[in-house]
Amino acid sequence: LNDNVEAMRLELRAQAFESAAQLDFDFHRMILRAAGNQTILDVLTSRSDIYLESQKLPFIRPERAMETWQEHRRILRALSRHVPAAAQKAMQAHIRAAASRTGISFAGTAS
């Protein structure tokens, strides 16, 4: 995960959004694999073409692209510290923020 997050930082700084989207997709798959969530991993893998395309959407505003990397870094930091509640909160914030960057908002807020 550390290598993935660093590679994403470099790709985003270079505005290589296709590569960054692949790294984003890989980041989420690695977390699902580590969590043992085979069902969701299978769904993502079986429709990787659609999911990978959706990973590009948060980069439609290049000036906000580094936000994805910052969110991944927060998730990684919480996982590295073995604080599940913080990791969950960081992941939920990441999902909401990524959706917001594409113009999608969720009704209500998760706690």
PDB file of N, CA and C in Angstrom:
ATOM      1  N   LEU A   1       0.825  -1.208   0.000  1.00  0.00           N
ATOM      2  CA  LEU A   1       0.000   0.000   0.000  1.00  0.00           C
ATOM      3  C   LEU A   1       0.863   1.263   0.000  1.00  0.00           C
ATOM      4  N   ASN A   2       1.962   1.225   0.761  1.00  0.00           N
ATOM      5  CA  ASN A   2       2.844   2.405   0.789  1.00  0.00           C
ATOM      6  C   ASN A   2       3.356   2.751  -0.605  1.00  0.00           C
ATOM      7  N   ASP A   3       3.813   1.730  -1.327  1.00  0.00           N
ATOM      8  CA  ASP A   3       4.332   1.960  -2.678  1.00  0.00           C
ATOM      9  C   ASP A   3       3.244   2.501  -3.601  1.00  0.00           C
ATOM     10  N   ASN A   4       2.035   1.984  -3.447  1.00  0.00           N
ATOM     11  CA  ASN A   4       0.914   2.426  -4.268  1.00  0.00           C
ATOM     12  C   ASN A   4       0.618   3.902  -4.021  1.00  0.00           C
ATOM     13  N   VAL A   5       0.569   4.291  -2.750  1.00  0.00           N
ATOM     14  CA  VAL A   5       0.242   5.678  -2.405  1.00  0.00           C
ATOM     15  C   VAL A   5       1.326   6.626  -2.919  1.00  0.00           C
ATOM     16  N   GLU A   6       2.579   6.217  -2.790  1.00  0.00           N
ATOM     17  CA  GLU A   6       3.668   7.061  -3.297  1.00  0.00           C
ATOM     18  C   GLU A   6       3.625   7.151  -4.824  1.00  0.00           C
ATOM     19  N   ALA A   7       3.374   6.033  -5.490  1.00  0.00           N
ATOM     20  CA  ALA A   7       3.278   6.041  -6.953  1.00  0.00           C
ATOM     21  C   ALA A   7       2.129   6.933  -7.409  1.00  0.00           C
ATOM     22  N   MET A   8       1.012   6.896  -6.680  1.00  0.00           N
ATOM     23  CA  MET A   8      -0.120   7.750  -7.040  1.00  0.00           C
ATOM     24  C   MET A   8       0.258   9.222  -6.914  1.00  0.00           C
ATOM     25  N   ARG A   9       0.968   9.564  -5.862  1.00  0.00           N
ATOM     26  CA  ARG A   9       1.400  10.954  -5.682  1.00  0.00           C
ATOM     27  C   ARG A   9       2.205  11.417  -6.896  1.00  0.00           C
ATOM     28  N   LEU A  10       3.143  10.594  -7.322  1.00  0.00           N
ATOM     29  CA  LEU A  10       3.992  10.954  -8.458  1.00  0.00           C
ATOM     30  C   LEU A  10       3.188  11.072  -9.753  1.00  0.00           C
ATOM     31  N   GLU A  11       2.273  10.149  -9.978  1.00  0.00           N
ATOM     32  CA  GLU A  11       1.452  10.188 -11.199  1.00  0.00           C
ATOM     33  C   GLU A  11       0.527  11.407 -11.208  1.00  0.00           C
ATOM     34  N   LEU A  12      -0.046  11.723 -10.061  1.00  0.00           N
ATOM     35  CA  LEU A  12      -0.931  12.888  -9.994  1.00  0.00           C
ATOM     36  C   LEU A  12      -0.156  14.180 -10.215  1.00  0.00           C
ATOM     37  N   ARG A  13       1.026  14.267  -9.633  1.00  0.00           N
ATOM     38  CA  ARG A  13       1.840  15.475  -9.838  1.00  0.00           C
ATOM     39  C   ARG A  13       2.202  15.643 -11.306  1.00  0.00           C
ATOM     40  N   ALA A  14       2.365  14.520 -12.005  1.00  0.00           N
ATOM     41  CA  ALA A  14       2.672  14.557 -13.438  1.00  0.00           C
ATOM     42  C   ALA A  14       1.409  14.684 -14.288  1.00  0.00           C
ATOM     43  N   GLN A  15       0.255  14.746 -13.637  1.00  0.00           N
ATOM     44  CA  GLN A  15      -1.050  14.789 -14.289  1.00  0.00           C
ATOM     45  C   GLN A  15      -1.255  13.593 -15.216  1.00  0.00           C
ATOM     46  N   ALA A  16      -0.734  12.451 -14.790  1.00  0.00           N
ATOM     47  CA  ALA A  16      -0.919  11.186 -15.513  1.00  0.00           C
ATOM     48  C   ALA A  16      -2.145  10.502 -14.912  1.00  0.00           C
ATOM     49  N   PHE A  17      -3.315  10.996 -15.278  1.00  0.00           N
ATOM     50  CA  PHE A  17      -4.548  10.585 -14.613  1.00  0.00           C
ATOM     51  C   PHE A  17      -4.970   9.157 -14.940  1.00  0.00           C
ATOM     52  N   GLU A  18      -4.633   8.662 -16.114  1.00  0.00           N
ATOM     53  CA  GLU A  18      -4.945   7.258 -16.441  1.00  0.00           C
ATOM     54  C   GLU A  18      -4.199   6.333 -15.484  1.00  0.00           C
ATOM     55  N   SER A  19      -2.909   6.581 -15.309  1.00  0.00           N
ATOM     56  CA  SER A  19      -2.098   5.767 -14.399  1.00  0.00           C
ATOM     57  C   SER A  19      -2.574   5.933 -12.965  1.00  0.00           C
ATOM     58  N   ALA A  20      -2.914   7.158 -12.591  1.00  0.00           N
ATOM     59  CA  ALA A  20      -3.398   7.412 -11.235  1.00  0.00           C
ATOM     60  C   ALA A  20      -4.705   6.666 -10.980  1.00  0.00           C
ATOM     61  N   ALA A  21      -5.576   6.617 -11.976  1.00  0.00           N
ATOM     62  CA  ALA A  21      -6.846   5.892 -11.827  1.00  0.00           C
ATOM     63  C   ALA A  21      -6.591   4.404 -11.622  1.00  0.00           C
ATOM     64  N   GLN A  22      -5.626   3.849 -12.342  1.00  0.00           N
ATOM     65  CA  GLN A  22      -5.280   2.434 -12.156  1.00  0.00           C
ATOM     66  C   GLN A  22      -4.739   2.201 -10.746  1.00  0.00           C
ATOM     67  N   LEU A  23      -3.903   3.111 -10.271  1.00  0.00           N
ATOM     68  CA  LEU A  23      -3.369   2.991  -8.909  1.00  0.00           C
ATOM     69  C   LEU A  23      -4.486   3.113  -7.876  1.00  0.00           C
ATOM     70  N   ASP A  24      -5.441   3.994  -8.135  1.00  0.00           N
ATOM     71  CA  ASP A  24      -6.598   4.144  -7.250  1.00  0.00           C
ATOM     72  C   ASP A  24      -7.370   2.827  -7.186  1.00  0.00           C
ATOM     73  N   PHE A  25      -7.636   2.257  -8.338  1.00  0.00           N
ATOM     74  CA  PHE A  25      -8.331   0.969  -8.423  1.00  0.00           C
ATOM     75  C   PHE A  25      -7.556  -0.105  -7.665  1.00  0.00           C
ATOM     76  N   ASP A  26      -6.249  -0.157  -7.874  1.00  0.00           N
ATOM     77  CA  ASP A  26      -5.408  -1.148  -7.194  1.00  0.00           C
ATOM     78  C   ASP A  26      -5.412  -0.946  -5.682  1.00  0.00           C
ATOM     79  N   PHE A  27      -5.398   0.305  -5.234  1.00  0.00           N
ATOM     80  CA  PHE A  27      -5.428   0.617  -3.801  1.00  0.00           C
ATOM     81  C   PHE A  27      -6.664   0.004  -3.150  1.00  0.00           C
ATOM     82  N   HIS A  28      -7.804   0.223  -3.771  1.00  0.00           N
ATOM     83  CA  HIS A  28      -9.048  -0.300  -3.212  1.00  0.00           C
ATOM     84  C   HIS A  28      -9.076  -1.829  -3.245  1.00  0.00           C
ATOM     85  N   ARG A  29      -8.558  -2.414  -4.304  1.00  0.00           N
ATOM     86  CA  ARG A  29      -8.498  -3.882  -4.371  1.00  0.00           C
ATOM     87  C   ARG A  29      -7.572  -4.449  -3.300  1.00  0.00           C
ATOM     88  N   MET A  30      -6.441  -3.803  -3.064  1.00  0.00           N
ATOM     89  CA  MET A  30      -5.519  -4.283  -2.026  1.00  0.00           C
ATOM     90  C   MET A  30      -6.165  -4.234  -0.648  1.00  0.00           C
ATOM     91  N   ILE A  31      -6.922  -3.186  -0.389  1.00  0.00           N
ATOM     92  CA  ILE A  31      -7.601  -3.080   0.906  1.00  0.00           C
ATOM     93  C   ILE A  31      -8.664  -4.165   1.031  1.00  0.00           C
ATOM     94  N   LEU A  32      -9.435  -4.365  -0.012  1.00  0.00           N
ATOM     95  CA  LEU A  32     -10.453  -5.423   0.028  1.00  0.00           C
ATOM     96  C   LEU A  32      -9.816  -6.792   0.236  1.00  0.00           C
ATOM     97  N   ARG A  33      -8.710  -7.035  -0.435  1.00  0.00           N
ATOM     98  CA  ARG A  33      -8.008  -8.315  -0.285  1.00  0.00           C
ATOM     99  C   ARG A  33      -7.503  -8.471   1.154  1.00  0.00           C
ATOM    100  N   ALA A  34      -6.888  -7.425   1.700  1.00  0.00           N
ATOM    101  CA  ALA A  34      -6.361  -7.478   3.068  1.00  0.00           C
ATOM    102  C   ALA A  34      -7.480  -7.662   4.089  1.00  0.00           C
ATOM    103  N   ALA A  35      -8.648  -7.092   3.796  1.00  0.00           N
ATOM    104  CA  ALA A  35      -9.791  -7.204   4.707  1.00  0.00           C
ATOM    105  C   ALA A  35     -10.503  -8.542   4.565  1.00  0.00           C
ATOM    106  N   GLY A  36     -10.129  -9.304   3.553  1.00  0.00           N
ATOM    107  CA  GLY A  36     -10.785 -10.593   3.335  1.00  0.00           C
ATOM    108  C   GLY A  36     -12.183 -10.463   2.766  1.00  0.00           C
ATOM    109  N   ASN A  37     -12.461  -9.339   2.113  1.00  0.00           N
ATOM    110  CA  ASN A  37     -13.791  -9.088   1.558  1.00  0.00           C
ATOM    111  C   ASN A  37     -13.841  -9.605   0.119  1.00  0.00           C
ATOM    112  N   GLN A  38     -13.840 -10.924  -0.008  1.00  0.00           N
ATOM    113  CA  GLN A  38     -13.760 -11.568  -1.317  1.00  0.00           C
ATOM    114  C   GLN A  38     -14.973 -11.268  -2.196  1.00  0.00           C
ATOM    115  N   THR A  39     -16.143 -11.140  -1.588  1.00  0.00           N
ATOM    116  CA  THR A  39     -17.355 -10.890  -2.374  1.00  0.00           C
ATOM    117  C   THR A  39     -17.262  -9.568  -3.129  1.00  0.00           C
ATOM    118  N   ILE A  40     -16.939  -8.502  -2.429  1.00  0.00           N
ATOM    119  CA  ILE A  40     -16.827  -7.192  -3.084  1.00  0.00           C
ATOM    120  C   ILE A  40     -15.644  -7.191  -4.051  1.00  0.00           C
ATOM    121  N   LEU A  41     -14.557  -7.850  -3.669  1.00  0.00           N
ATOM    122  CA  LEU A  41     -13.403  -7.951  -4.561  1.00  0.00           C
ATOM    123  C   LEU A  41     -13.787  -8.645  -5.864  1.00  0.00           C
ATOM    124  N   ASP A  42     -14.566  -9.711  -5.762  1.00  0.00           N
ATOM    125  CA  ASP A  42     -15.024 -10.416  -6.965  1.00  0.00           C
ATOM    126  C   ASP A  42     -15.904  -9.528  -7.842  1.00  0.00           C
ATOM    127  N   VAL A  43     -16.783  -8.752  -7.213  1.00  0.00           N
ATOM    128  CA  VAL A  43     -17.652  -7.843  -7.973  1.00  0.00           C
ATOM    129  C   VAL A  43     -16.802  -6.812  -8.719  1.00  0.00           C
ATOM    130  N   LEU A  44     -15.862  -6.196  -8.016  1.00  0.00           N
ATOM    131  CA  LEU A  44     -15.011  -5.190  -8.660  1.00  0.00           C
ATOM    132  C   LEU A  44     -14.174  -5.794  -9.776  1.00  0.00           C
ATOM    133  N   THR A  45     -13.643  -6.968  -9.524  1.00  0.00           N
ATOM    134  CA  THR A  45     -12.786  -7.608 -10.516  1.00  0.00           C
ATOM    135  C   THR A  45     -13.581  -8.021 -11.748  1.00  0.00           C
ATOM    136  N   SER A  46     -14.790  -8.530 -11.530  1.00  0.00           N
ATOM    137  CA  SER A  46     -15.596  -8.976 -12.670  1.00  0.00           C
ATOM    138  C   SER A  46     -16.035  -7.813 -13.554  1.00  0.00           C
ATOM    139  N   ARG A  47     -16.138  -6.641 -12.985  1.00  0.00           N
ATOM    140  CA  ARG A  47     -16.542  -5.448 -13.743  1.00  0.00           C
ATOM    141  C   ARG A  47     -15.458  -4.381 -13.667  1.00  0.00           C
ATOM    142  N   SER A  48     -14.218  -4.821 -13.728  1.00  0.00           N
ATOM    143  CA  SER A  48     -13.100  -3.890 -13.567  1.00  0.00           C
ATOM    144  C   SER A  48     -13.110  -2.780 -14.614  1.00  0.00           C
ATOM    145  N   ASP A  49     -13.612  -3.065 -15.810  1.00  0.00           N
ATOM    146  CA  ASP A  49     -13.652  -2.038 -16.847  1.00  0.00           C
ATOM    147  C   ASP A  49     -14.520  -0.854 -16.422  1.00  0.00           C
ATOM    148  N   ILE A  50     -15.674  -1.148 -15.855  1.00  0.00           N
ATOM    149  CA  ILE A  50     -16.585  -0.086 -15.407  1.00  0.00           C
ATOM    150  C   ILE A  50     -16.017   0.622 -14.185  1.00  0.00           C
ATOM    151  N   TYR A  51     -15.539  -0.167 -13.230  1.00  0.00           N
ATOM    152  CA  TYR A  51     -15.015   0.428 -11.999  1.00  0.00           C
ATOM    153  C   TYR A  51     -13.790   1.289 -12.303  1.00  0.00           C
ATOM    154  N   LEU A  52     -12.900   0.796 -13.141  1.00  0.00           N
ATOM    155  CA  LEU A  52     -11.700   1.559 -13.480  1.00  0.00           C
ATOM    156  C   LEU A  52     -12.067   2.870 -14.167  1.00  0.00           C
ATOM    157  N   GLU A  53     -13.047   2.831 -15.032  1.00  0.00           N
ATOM    158  CA  GLU A  53     -13.506   4.066 -15.683  1.00  0.00           C
ATOM    159  C   GLU A  53     -14.035   5.052 -14.640  1.00  0.00           C
ATOM    160  N   SER A  54     -14.750   4.535 -13.644  1.00  0.00           N
ATOM    161  CA  SER A  54     -15.289   5.413 -12.597  1.00  0.00           C
ATOM    162  C   SER A  54     -14.175   6.018 -11.743  1.00  0.00           C
ATOM    163  N   GLN A  55     -13.032   5.345 -11.668  1.00  0.00           N
ATOM    164  CA  GLN A  55     -11.909   5.864 -10.884  1.00  0.00           C
ATOM    165  C   GLN A  55     -11.314   7.112 -11.528  1.00  0.00           C
ATOM    166  N   LYS A  56     -11.584   7.337 -12.788  1.00  0.00           N
ATOM    167  CA  LYS A  56     -11.072   8.517 -13.484  1.00  0.00           C
ATOM    168  C   LYS A  56     -11.897   9.763 -13.166  1.00  0.00           C
ATOM    169  N   LEU A  57     -13.139   9.573 -12.791  1.00  0.00           N
ATOM    170  CA  LEU A  57     -14.047  10.706 -12.598  1.00  0.00           C
ATOM    171  C   LEU A  57     -13.561  11.727 -11.571  1.00  0.00           C
ATOM    172  N   PRO A  58     -13.014  11.308 -10.421  1.00  0.00           N
ATOM    173  CA  PRO A  58     -12.559  12.325  -9.464  1.00  0.00           C
ATOM    174  C   PRO A  58     -11.442  13.224  -9.991  1.00  0.00           C
ATOM    175  N   PHE A  59     -10.822  12.839 -11.103  1.00  0.00           N
ATOM    176  CA  PHE A  59      -9.727  13.628 -11.650  1.00  0.00           C
ATOM    177  C   PHE A  59     -10.189  14.605 -12.726  1.00  0.00           C
ATOM    178  N   ILE A  60     -11.511  14.761 -12.897  1.00  0.00           N
ATOM    179  CA  ILE A  60     -11.999  15.667 -13.935  1.00  0.00           C
ATOM    180  C   ILE A  60     -11.654  17.119 -13.621  1.00  0.00           C
ATOM    181  N   ARG A  61     -11.348  17.374 -12.362  1.00  0.00           N
ATOM    182  CA  ARG A  61     -10.893  18.710 -11.964  1.00  0.00           C
ATOM    183  C   ARG A  61      -9.447  18.568 -11.502  1.00  0.00           C
ATOM    184  N   PRO A  62      -8.498  18.726 -12.402  1.00  0.00           N
ATOM    185  CA  PRO A  62      -7.090  18.486 -12.071  1.00  0.00           C
ATOM    186  C   PRO A  62      -6.595  19.254 -10.853  1.00  0.00           C
ATOM    187  N   GLU A  63      -7.162  20.430 -10.613  1.00  0.00           N
ATOM    188  CA  GLU A  63      -6.714  21.221  -9.459  1.00  0.00           C
ATOM    189  C   GLU A  63      -7.067  20.546  -8.133  1.00  0.00           C
ATOM    190  N   ARG A  64      -7.960  19.556  -8.177  1.00  0.00           N
ATOM    191  CA  ARG A  64      -8.348  18.846  -6.952  1.00  0.00           C
ATOM    192  C   ARG A  64      -7.829  17.406  -6.923  1.00  0.00           C
ATOM    193  N   ALA A  65      -7.049  17.038  -7.914  1.00  0.00           N
ATOM    194  CA  ALA A  65      -6.614  15.645  -8.043  1.00  0.00           C
ATOM    195  C   ALA A  65      -5.812  15.156  -6.847  1.00  0.00           C
ATOM    196  N   MET A  66      -4.987  16.009  -6.257  1.00  0.00           N
ATOM    197  CA  MET A  66      -4.153  15.574  -5.130  1.00  0.00           C
ATOM    198  C   MET A  66      -4.988  15.229  -3.897  1.00  0.00           C
ATOM    199  N   GLU A  67      -6.233  15.649  -3.869  1.00  0.00           N
ATOM    200  CA  GLU A  67      -7.091  15.311  -2.732  1.00  0.00           C
ATOM    201  C   GLU A  67      -7.242  13.800  -2.598  1.00  0.00           C
ATOM    202  N   THR A  68      -7.323  13.102  -3.711  1.00  0.00           N
ATOM    203  CA  THR A  68      -7.440  11.644  -3.677  1.00  0.00           C
ATOM    204  C   THR A  68      -6.226  11.043  -2.987  1.00  0.00           C
ATOM    205  N   TRP A  69      -5.053  11.501  -3.353  1.00  0.00           N
ATOM    206  CA  TRP A  69      -3.821  11.005  -2.729  1.00  0.00           C
ATOM    207  C   TRP A  69      -3.823  11.297  -1.228  1.00  0.00           C
ATOM    208  N   GLN A  70      -4.225  12.506  -0.847  1.00  0.00           N
ATOM    209  CA  GLN A  70      -4.253  12.856   0.575  1.00  0.00           C
ATOM    210  C   GLN A  70      -5.211  11.945   1.342  1.00  0.00           C
ATOM    211  N   GLU A  71      -6.341  11.650   0.745  1.00  0.00           N
ATOM    212  CA  GLU A  71      -7.313  10.757   1.390  1.00  0.00           C
ATOM    213  C   GLU A  71      -6.746   9.345   1.515  1.00  0.00           C
ATOM    214  N   HIS A  72      -6.091   8.864   0.481  1.00  0.00           N
ATOM    215  CA  HIS A  72      -5.473   7.535   0.552  1.00  0.00           C
ATOM    216  C   HIS A  72      -4.401   7.508   1.639  1.00  0.00           C
ATOM    217  N   ARG A  73      -3.655   8.583   1.738  1.00  0.00           N
ATOM    218  CA  ARG A  73      -2.615   8.673   2.772  1.00  0.00           C
ATOM    219  C   ARG A  73      -3.229   8.593   4.171  1.00  0.00           C
ATOM    220  N   ARG A  74      -4.363   9.260   4.375  1.00  0.00           N
ATOM    221  CA  ARG A  74      -5.040   9.194   5.685  1.00  0.00           C
ATOM    222  C   ARG A  74      -5.517   7.777   5.984  1.00  0.00           C
ATOM    223  N   ILE A  75      -6.062   7.115   4.985  1.00  0.00           N
ATOM    224  CA  ILE A  75      -6.517   5.731   5.159  1.00  0.00           C
ATOM    225  C   ILE A  75      -5.330   4.852   5.514  1.00  0.00           C
ATOM    226  N   LEU A  76      -4.258   4.979   4.766  1.00  0.00           N
ATOM    227  CA  LEU A  76      -3.058   4.180   5.008  1.00  0.00           C
ATOM    228  C   LEU A  76      -2.494   4.439   6.402  1.00  0.00           C
ATOM    229  N   ARG A  77      -2.462   5.687   6.814  1.00  0.00           N
ATOM    230  CA  ARG A  77      -1.952   6.029   8.145  1.00  0.00           C
ATOM    231  C   ARG A  77      -2.785   5.341   9.229  1.00  0.00           C
ATOM    232  N   ALA A  78      -4.099   5.374   9.099  1.00  0.00           N
ATOM    233  CA  ALA A  78      -4.971   4.728  10.093  1.00  0.00           C
ATOM    234  C   ALA A  78      -4.765   3.217  10.095  1.00  0.00           C
ATOM    235  N   LEU A  79      -4.633   2.625   8.918  1.00  0.00           N
ATOM    236  CA  LEU A  79      -4.394   1.181   8.842  1.00  0.00           C
ATOM    237  C   LEU A  79      -3.043   0.823   9.450  1.00  0.00           C
ATOM    238  N   SER A  80      -2.028   1.631   9.174  1.00  0.00           N
ATOM    239  CA  SER A  80      -0.686   1.375   9.704  1.00  0.00           C
ATOM    240  C   SER A  80      -0.653   1.461  11.220  1.00  0.00           C
ATOM    241  N   ARG A  81      -1.497   2.307  11.766  1.00  0.00           N
ATOM    242  CA  ARG A  81      -1.570   2.463  13.230  1.00  0.00           C
ATOM    243  C   ARG A  81      -2.496   1.434  13.874  1.00  0.00           C
ATOM    244  N   HIS A  82      -3.122   0.609  13.039  1.00  0.00           N
ATOM    245  CA  HIS A  82      -4.045  -0.432  13.525  1.00  0.00           C
ATOM    246  C   HIS A  82      -5.201   0.168  14.326  1.00  0.00           C
ATOM    247  N   VAL A  83      -5.789   1.225  13.762  1.00  0.00           N
ATOM    248  CA  VAL A  83      -6.934   1.894  14.384  1.00  0.00           C
ATOM    249  C   VAL A  83      -8.115   1.745  13.418  1.00  0.00           C
ATOM    250  N   PRO A  84      -8.874   0.632  13.548  1.00  0.00           N
ATOM    251  CA  PRO A  84      -9.960   0.366  12.600  1.00  0.00           C
ATOM    252  C   PRO A  84     -10.991   1.485  12.500  1.00  0.00           C
ATOM    253  N   ALA A  85     -11.359   2.089  13.625  1.00  0.00           N
ATOM    254  CA  ALA A  85     -12.377   3.146  13.582  1.00  0.00           C
ATOM    255  C   ALA A  85     -11.888   4.337  12.765  1.00  0.00           C
ATOM    256  N   ALA A  86     -10.620   4.683  12.914  1.00  0.00           N
ATOM    257  CA  ALA A  86     -10.060   5.798  12.146  1.00  0.00           C
ATOM    258  C   ALA A  86      -9.974   5.439  10.664  1.00  0.00           C
ATOM    259  N   ALA A  87      -9.620   4.192  10.367  1.00  0.00           N
ATOM    260  CA  ALA A  87      -9.552   3.751   8.966  1.00  0.00           C
ATOM    261  C   ALA A  87     -10.937   3.791   8.330  1.00  0.00           C
ATOM    262  N   GLN A  88     -11.935   3.338   9.075  1.00  0.00           N
ATOM    263  CA  GLN A  88     -13.306   3.361   8.564  1.00  0.00           C
ATOM    264  C   GLN A  88     -13.753   4.796   8.305  1.00  0.00           C
ATOM    265  N   LYS A  89     -13.481   5.668   9.252  1.00  0.00           N
ATOM    266  CA  LYS A  89     -13.863   7.074   9.102  1.00  0.00           C
ATOM    267  C   LYS A  89     -13.147   7.705   7.900  1.00  0.00           C
ATOM    268  N   ALA A  90     -11.859   7.402   7.741  1.00  0.00           N
ATOM    269  CA  ALA A  90     -11.094   7.948   6.617  1.00  0.00           C
ATOM    270  C   ALA A  90     -11.621   7.417   5.288  1.00  0.00           C
ATOM    271  N   MET A  91     -11.985   6.139   5.251  1.00  0.00           N
ATOM    272  CA  MET A  91     -12.509   5.556   4.009  1.00  0.00           C
ATOM    273  C   MET A  91     -13.867   6.161   3.667  1.00  0.00           C
ATOM    274  N   GLN A  92     -14.723   6.327   4.669  1.00  0.00           N
ATOM    275  CA  GLN A  92     -16.028   6.938   4.410  1.00  0.00           C
ATOM    276  C   GLN A  92     -15.869   8.373   3.906  1.00  0.00           C
ATOM    277  N   ALA A  93     -14.950   9.110   4.521  1.00  0.00           N
ATOM    278  CA  ALA A  93     -14.702  10.485   4.080  1.00  0.00           C
ATOM    279  C   ALA A  93     -14.177  10.499   2.644  1.00  0.00           C
ATOM    280  N   HIS A  94     -13.327   9.544   2.317  1.00  0.00           N
ATOM    281  CA  HIS A  94     -12.774   9.440   0.958  1.00  0.00           C
ATOM    282  C   HIS A  94     -13.882   9.167  -0.059  1.00  0.00           C
ATOM    283  N   ILE A  95     -14.759   8.255   0.259  1.00  0.00           N
ATOM    284  CA  ILE A  95     -15.851   7.923  -0.665  1.00  0.00           C
ATOM    285  C   ILE A  95     -16.753   9.136  -0.885  1.00  0.00           C
ATOM    286  N   ARG A  96     -17.097   9.827   0.203  1.00  0.00           N
ATOM    287  CA  ARG A  96     -17.937  11.026   0.068  1.00  0.00           C
ATOM    288  C   ARG A  96     -17.227  12.114  -0.740  1.00  0.00           C
ATOM    289  N   ALA A  97     -15.947  12.321  -0.457  1.00  0.00           N
ATOM    290  CA  ALA A  97     -15.199  13.374  -1.154  1.00  0.00           C
ATOM    291  C   ALA A  97     -15.024  13.040  -2.636  1.00  0.00           C
ATOM    292  N   ALA A  98     -14.721  11.780  -2.943  1.00  0.00           N
ATOM    293  CA  ALA A  98     -14.562  11.377  -4.347  1.00  0.00           C
ATOM    294  C   ALA A  98     -15.874  11.574  -5.099  1.00  0.00           C
ATOM    295  N   ALA A  99     -16.969  11.213  -4.469  1.00  0.00           N
ATOM    296  CA  ALA A  99     -18.278  11.417  -5.095  1.00  0.00           C
ATOM    297  C   ALA A  99     -18.529  12.906  -5.312  1.00  0.00           C
ATOM    298  N   SER A 100     -18.212  13.703  -4.314  1.00  0.00           N
ATOM    299  CA  SER A 100     -18.404  15.144  -4.413  1.00  0.00           C
ATOM    300  C   SER A 100     -17.595  15.741  -5.559  1.00  0.00           C
ATOM    301  N   ARG A 101     -16.384  15.238  -5.756  1.00  0.00           N
ATOM    302  CA  ARG A 101     -15.550  15.747  -6.851  1.00  0.00           C
ATOM    303  C   ARG A 101     -16.157  15.461  -8.217  1.00  0.00           C
ATOM    304  N   THR A 102     -17.062  14.501  -8.284  1.00  0.00           N
ATOM    305  CA  THR A 102     -17.715  14.183  -9.554  1.00  0.00           C
ATOM    306  C   THR A 102     -19.124  14.763  -9.633  1.00  0.00           C
ATOM    307  N   GLY A 103     -19.515  15.528  -8.602  1.00  0.00           N
ATOM    308  CA  GLY A 103     -20.829  16.149  -8.603  1.00  0.00           C
ATOM    309  C   GLY A 103     -21.918  15.317  -7.960  1.00  0.00           C
ATOM    310  N   ILE A 104     -21.529  14.240  -7.277  1.00  0.00           N
ATOM    311  CA  ILE A 104     -22.497  13.367  -6.603  1.00  0.00           C
ATOM    312  C   ILE A 104     -22.469  13.681  -5.118  1.00  0.00           C
ATOM    313  N   SER A 105     -23.645  13.807  -4.516  1.00  0.00           N
ATOM    314  CA  SER A 105     -23.687  13.977  -3.063  1.00  0.00           C
ATOM    315  C   SER A 105     -24.629  12.939  -2.483  1.00  0.00           C
ATOM    316  N   PHE A 106     -24.255  12.441  -1.322  1.00  0.00           N
ATOM    317  CA  PHE A 106     -25.070  11.451  -0.633  1.00  0.00           C
ATOM    318  C   PHE A 106     -26.005  12.161   0.333  1.00  0.00           C
ATOM    319  N   ALA A 107     -27.237  11.691   0.418  1.00  0.00           N
ATOM    320  CA  ALA A 107     -28.199  12.263   1.363  1.00  0.00           C
ATOM    321  C   ALA A 107     -27.755  11.912   2.775  1.00  0.00           C
ATOM    322  N   GLY A 108     -27.776  12.890   3.664  1.00  0.00           N
ATOM    323  CA  GLY A 108     -27.377  12.641   5.045  1.00  0.00           C
ATOM    324  C   GLY A 108     -25.886  12.423   5.146  1.00  0.00           C
ATOM    325  N   THR A 109     -25.429  12.220   6.364  1.00  0.00           N
ATOM    326  CA  THR A 109     -24.006  11.953   6.583  1.00  0.00           C
ATOM    327  C   THR A 109     -23.864  10.734   7.455  1.00  0.00           C
ATOM    328  N   ALA A 110     -22.867   9.943   7.164  1.00  0.00           N
ATOM    329  CA  ALA A 110     -22.578   8.755   7.977  1.00  0.00           C
ATOM    330  C   ALA A 110     -21.704   9.167   9.141  1.00  0.00           C
ATOM    331  N   SER A 111     -21.905   8.515  10.249  1.00  0.00           N
ATOM    332  CA  SER A 111     -21.075   8.855  11.407  1.00  0.00           C
ATOM    333  C   SER A 111     -19.985   7.846  11.604  1.00  0.00           C
TER     334      SER A 111
END
